[in-house]
């Protein structure tokens, strides 16, 4: 199994764990993606029972799409402000209880003055947002796989911090 395949397999396991938490609590999730191009949505959709808790996602690859569709403020899209805007925009759009977003430069070239592998991600549960910045190494497909894994881990960690009794639909 290649490095990419093994990382994506681990991401699949985390997506299943996220799904189990969401199902147990009766919550929903939405995704906003850029560099991953739908891979986060794919991981969640492939998890068992996803029809009960995965409401949908937006792939906003170009900067203008992030601004127009998700309401990301003008400015750099490989930034904390951008991923916060992405996750807030997608959870509002779909009426989801939680969300996850990722934006970055997978490579082989940098973007917005950021070196390849620079990735911002955000997770939201009931409007509480947590962000993370990573500088991944490797080829573009390895960066994408690592982004999937770390984004889903961020969401799982934030879900674990939230009380199961938190109000639904907020």
Protein backbone atom coordinates (compact mmCIF):
# COMPACT_ATOMS: atom_id res chain seq x y z
CA UNK A 1 0.00 0.00 0.00
CA UNK A 2 1.37 3.42 -0.95
CA UNK A 3 1.80 6.28 1.46
CA UNK A 4 -1.19 8.06 -0.07
CA UNK A 5 -3.36 4.95 0.18
CA UNK A 6 -2.41 4.33 3.80
CA UNK A 7 -3.08 7.93 4.82
CA UNK A 8 -6.42 7.91 3.00
CA UNK A 9 -7.31 4.60 4.68
CA UNK A 10 -6.62 6.20 8.06
CA UNK A 11 -8.73 9.21 7.02
CA UNK A 12 -11.53 6.79 6.14
CA UNK A 13 -11.38 5.35 9.65
CA UNK A 14 -11.55 8.85 11.14
CA UNK A 15 -14.50 9.72 8.87
CA UNK A 16 -16.30 6.63 10.16
CA UNK A 17 -15.59 7.69 13.75
CA UNK A 18 -16.90 11.19 13.00
CA UNK A 19 -20.01 9.63 11.49
CA UNK A 20 -20.57 7.48 14.55
CA UNK A 21 -20.41 10.52 16.83
CA UNK A 22 -22.76 12.50 14.61
CA UNK A 23 -25.22 9.61 14.34
CA UNK A 24 -25.19 9.00 18.08
CA UNK A 25 -25.93 12.66 18.77
CA UNK A 26 -28.34 13.19 15.88
CA UNK A 27 -26.13 15.89 14.36
CA UNK A 28 -25.24 16.85 10.79
CA UNK A 29 -22.08 17.93 8.99
CA UNK A 30 -21.23 19.91 5.85
CA UNK A 31 -17.87 20.46 4.13
CA UNK A 32 -16.22 23.34 2.28
CA UNK A 33 -13.18 22.37 0.27
CA UNK A 34 -10.61 23.96 -1.94
CA UNK A 35 -7.35 22.10 -2.46
CA UNK A 36 -8.89 18.71 -1.61
CA UNK A 37 -11.34 19.05 -4.50
CA UNK A 38 -14.09 16.91 -2.99
CA UNK A 39 -11.94 14.34 -1.19
CA UNK A 40 -13.30 15.31 2.25
CA UNK A 41 -16.87 14.95 1.00
CA UNK A 42 -15.92 11.60 -0.52
CA UNK A 43 -14.51 10.35 2.78
CA UNK A 44 -17.67 11.33 4.67
CA UNK A 45 -20.07 10.06 2.00
CA UNK A 46 -18.33 6.67 2.00
CA UNK A 47 -18.78 6.22 5.76
CA UNK A 48 -21.60 4.00 6.95
CA UNK A 49 -24.91 5.73 7.57
CA UNK A 50 -23.74 8.99 5.97
CA UNK A 51 -27.19 9.60 4.51
CA UNK A 52 -28.39 10.37 8.04
CA UNK A 53 -25.76 12.97 8.97
CA UNK A 54 -23.82 14.23 5.89
CA UNK A 55 -25.87 17.07 4.39
CA UNK A 56 -23.51 18.14 1.62
CA UNK A 57 -20.53 20.15 0.59
CA UNK A 58 -19.09 22.85 -1.62
CA UNK A 59 -15.90 22.61 -3.65
CA UNK A 60 -14.83 26.21 -4.16
CA UNK A 61 -11.49 25.83 -5.89
CA UNK A 62 -11.00 29.31 -7.29
CA UNK A 63 -10.62 32.25 -4.91
CA UNK A 64 -13.57 34.08 -6.45
CA UNK A 65 -15.83 31.09 -5.78
CA UNK A 66 -14.87 31.15 -2.10
CA UNK A 67 -15.79 34.83 -1.91
CA UNK A 68 -19.05 34.61 -3.90
CA UNK A 69 -20.44 31.24 -2.79
CA UNK A 70 -19.19 30.89 0.77
CA UNK A 71 -18.94 34.55 1.78
CA UNK A 72 -15.21 34.39 2.48
CA UNK A 73 -13.90 37.94 3.01
CA UNK A 74 -11.74 39.41 0.24
CA UNK A 75 -8.06 38.74 0.78
CA UNK A 76 -5.80 35.70 0.83
CA UNK A 77 -7.60 32.36 0.70
CA UNK A 78 -4.78 30.40 2.27
CA UNK A 79 -5.41 31.93 5.66
CA UNK A 80 -7.16 31.37 8.94
CA UNK A 81 -9.74 34.04 8.08
CA UNK A 82 -10.58 32.23 4.83
CA UNK A 83 -11.15 28.79 6.34
CA UNK A 84 -13.23 30.27 9.15
CA UNK A 85 -15.34 32.00 6.50
CA UNK A 86 -15.57 28.76 4.53
CA UNK A 87 -16.76 26.63 7.46
CA UNK A 88 -19.18 29.29 8.69
CA UNK A 89 -20.51 29.78 5.16
CA UNK A 90 -21.08 26.09 4.45
CA UNK A 91 -22.69 25.29 7.81
CA UNK A 92 -25.05 28.24 7.35
CA UNK A 93 -25.80 27.29 3.73
CA UNK A 94 -26.75 23.72 4.65
CA UNK A 95 -28.11 24.38 8.14
CA UNK A 96 -25.58 21.89 9.53
CA UNK A 97 -24.65 21.48 13.18
CA UNK A 98 -20.98 21.00 12.32
CA UNK A 99 -18.59 21.54 9.45
CA UNK A 100 -15.08 21.20 8.21
CA UNK A 101 -13.11 23.27 5.69
CA UNK A 102 -9.67 23.19 4.08
CA UNK A 103 -7.72 25.58 1.85
CA UNK A 104 -4.08 25.49 0.89
CA UNK A 105 -1.35 24.99 -1.69
CA UNK A 106 -0.91 21.31 -2.52
CA UNK A 107 1.91 21.98 -4.97
CA UNK A 108 3.97 21.50 -6.91
CA UNK A 109 4.04 25.31 -6.82
CA UNK A 110 3.23 27.67 -4.01
CA UNK A 111 0.31 30.09 -3.96
CA UNK A 112 -0.18 33.55 -2.46
CA UNK A 113 3.44 33.52 -1.33
CA UNK A 114 2.85 30.30 0.63
CA UNK A 115 5.10 27.32 -0.05
CA UNK A 116 3.65 24.04 -1.32
CA UNK A 117 2.14 22.01 1.51
CA UNK A 118 0.81 25.04 3.41
CA UNK A 119 -2.73 24.16 4.49
CA UNK A 120 -5.26 25.89 6.72
CA UNK A 121 -8.23 23.95 8.04
CA UNK A 122 -11.18 24.72 10.27
CA UNK A 123 -13.83 22.72 12.07
CA UNK A 124 -17.03 24.03 13.58
CA UNK A 125 -19.51 22.48 16.02
CA UNK A 126 -22.51 24.56 17.10
CA UNK A 127 -20.69 27.68 15.90
CA UNK A 128 -17.53 27.02 17.93
CA UNK A 129 -14.66 27.12 15.43
CA UNK A 130 -11.20 25.64 15.80
CA UNK A 131 -8.46 26.14 13.22
CA UNK A 132 -5.11 24.57 12.43
CA UNK A 133 -2.19 25.42 10.15
CA UNK A 134 -0.06 22.63 8.71
CA UNK A 135 3.02 22.59 6.51
CA UNK A 136 2.88 19.17 4.87
CA UNK A 137 5.72 17.67 2.88
CA UNK A 138 5.57 15.42 -0.12
CA UNK A 139 4.07 15.33 -3.57
CA UNK A 140 0.67 16.99 -4.19
CA UNK A 141 -1.29 13.74 -3.70
CA UNK A 142 0.48 13.20 -0.37
CA UNK A 143 -0.43 16.75 0.70
CA UNK A 144 -4.06 16.09 -0.23
CA UNK A 145 -4.13 12.83 1.73
CA UNK A 146 -2.57 14.47 4.79
CA UNK A 147 -5.07 17.34 4.53
CA UNK A 148 -7.98 14.89 4.49
CA UNK A 149 -6.67 13.10 7.55
CA UNK A 150 -5.82 16.18 9.63
CA UNK A 151 -9.07 17.98 8.73
CA UNK A 152 -11.17 15.02 9.80
CA UNK A 153 -9.09 14.60 12.96
CA UNK A 154 -9.67 18.28 13.77
CA UNK A 155 -13.43 17.80 13.38
CA UNK A 156 -13.40 14.62 15.47
CA UNK A 157 -11.45 16.36 18.25
CA UNK A 158 -13.84 19.31 18.31
CA UNK A 159 -16.87 17.00 18.38
CA UNK A 160 -15.28 15.13 21.30
CA UNK A 161 -14.89 18.43 23.23
CA UNK A 162 -18.55 19.37 22.76
CA UNK A 163 -21.12 18.17 25.24
CA UNK A 164 -23.52 15.59 23.80
CA UNK A 165 -26.31 17.70 25.31
CA UNK A 166 -25.43 20.76 23.21
CA UNK A 167 -28.48 22.22 21.49
CA UNK A 168 -29.22 20.74 18.10
CA UNK A 169 -29.73 22.81 14.99
CA UNK A 170 -27.61 25.74 16.08
